[in-house]
Amino acid sequence: MELTFHHLVPKSQHKRSWCRQRFDRDQRNRGIDVCRDCHSAFHRFVSEAELARSYHTVELLLAHPEIRTFVTWVSTQSGRHRTAPPRRR
């Protein structure tokens, strides 16, 4: 399965003053390669501002209950087709 790059601090937050004060340039540009399904789930379950403030490491992302549940589930799938993360209610 093809991987996509996920910025741990979303690029949409890089120019905000609180982001520049909290993270240096290298920290703002760090990221991970993840499958498209997991990448979509990160952005579906958490806003970009919240990703930057509270979920800017792999450990913090996996501590989020919905993300952890989804990543665990998608890892059991065959990977041959895209899976859609369940919508919030």
Protein backbone atom coordinates (compact mmCIF):
# COMPACT_ATOMS: atom_id res chain seq x y z
CA MET A 1 0.00 0.00 0.00
CA GLU A 2 1.27 3.45 -0.85
CA LEU A 3 2.16 5.69 2.09
CA THR A 4 1.49 9.40 2.60
CA PHE A 5 3.42 11.93 4.68
CA HIS A 6 1.63 13.27 7.75
CA HIS A 7 3.06 16.44 9.31
CA LEU A 8 2.88 15.98 13.07
CA VAL A 9 2.27 19.73 13.28
CA PRO A 10 -0.12 20.44 10.37
CA LYS A 11 1.19 22.94 7.83
CA SER A 12 -1.96 25.05 8.21
CA GLN A 13 -0.77 25.89 11.75
CA HIS A 14 2.87 26.75 10.96
CA LYS A 15 2.33 30.51 10.54
CA ARG A 16 0.33 30.96 13.73
CA SER A 17 2.26 32.80 16.44
CA TRP A 18 1.55 30.22 19.17
CA CYS A 19 2.89 27.50 16.86
CA ARG A 20 6.08 29.42 16.04
CA GLN A 21 6.67 30.05 19.75
CA ARG A 22 6.10 26.45 20.73
CA PHE A 23 7.87 24.60 17.88
CA ASP A 24 11.10 25.39 16.05
CA ARG A 25 11.36 24.94 12.28
CA ASP A 26 12.59 21.33 12.50
CA GLN A 27 9.80 20.38 14.90
CA ARG A 28 7.17 21.96 12.64
CA ASN A 29 8.45 19.97 9.65
CA ARG A 30 8.63 16.56 11.33
CA GLY A 31 6.29 13.91 10.12
CA ILE A 32 5.60 10.25 9.61
CA ASP A 33 4.73 8.05 6.65
CA VAL A 34 1.34 6.42 7.13
CA CYS A 35 -1.24 4.69 4.97
CA ARG A 36 -3.92 6.89 3.42
CA ASP A 37 -6.60 5.36 5.68
CA CYS A 38 -4.78 6.28 8.89
CA HIS A 39 -3.89 9.74 7.55
CA SER A 40 -7.56 10.40 6.77
CA ALA A 41 -8.57 9.13 10.21
CA PHE A 42 -6.19 11.53 11.98
CA HIS A 43 -7.83 14.48 10.25
CA ARG A 44 -11.36 13.15 10.64
CA PHE A 45 -11.12 12.58 14.38
CA VAL A 46 -9.06 15.63 15.37
CA SER A 47 -8.96 19.23 14.08
CA GLU A 48 -5.69 20.55 12.69
CA ALA A 49 -5.28 23.00 15.58
CA GLU A 50 -5.82 20.19 18.08
CA LEU A 51 -3.37 17.96 16.21
CA ALA A 52 -0.71 20.66 16.60
CA ARG A 53 -1.48 21.44 20.23
CA SER A 54 -2.17 18.03 21.69
CA TYR A 55 -1.21 15.28 19.23
CA HIS A 56 2.16 16.31 17.75
CA THR A 57 3.99 13.02 18.38
CA VAL A 58 3.29 9.42 17.36
CA GLU A 59 2.79 8.47 21.01
CA LEU A 60 0.24 11.25 21.54
CA LEU A 61 -1.62 10.31 18.33
CA LEU A 62 -1.89 6.70 19.46
CA ALA A 63 -3.08 7.83 22.90
CA HIS A 64 -6.22 9.31 21.30
CA PRO A 65 -8.89 6.62 21.84
CA GLU A 66 -10.61 6.87 18.43
CA ILE A 67 -7.33 6.97 16.53
CA ARG A 68 -5.90 4.05 18.50
CA THR A 69 -9.05 1.99 17.86
CA PHE A 70 -9.02 2.81 14.14
CA VAL A 71 -5.28 2.10 13.68
CA THR A 72 -5.69 -1.22 15.49
CA TRP A 73 -8.65 -2.16 13.29
CA VAL A 74 -7.15 -1.03 9.96
CA SER A 75 -3.96 -2.98 10.69
CA THR A 76 -6.04 -6.18 10.52
CA GLN A 77 -7.43 -5.36 7.05
CA SER A 78 -5.94 -6.71 3.85
CA GLY A 79 -4.79 -3.30 2.63
CA ARG A 80 -6.09 -3.94 -0.87
CA HIS A 81 -8.80 -1.30 -0.75
CA ARG A 82 -9.41 1.97 1.00
CA THR A 83 -11.42 1.79 4.17
CA ALA A 84 -13.40 4.74 5.42
CA PRO A 85 -13.04 5.73 9.05
CA PRO A 86 -16.41 5.71 10.82
CA ARG A 87 -18.02 9.14 11.08
CA ARG A 88 -18.41 10.84 14.46
CA ARG A 89 -21.90 11.02 15.83
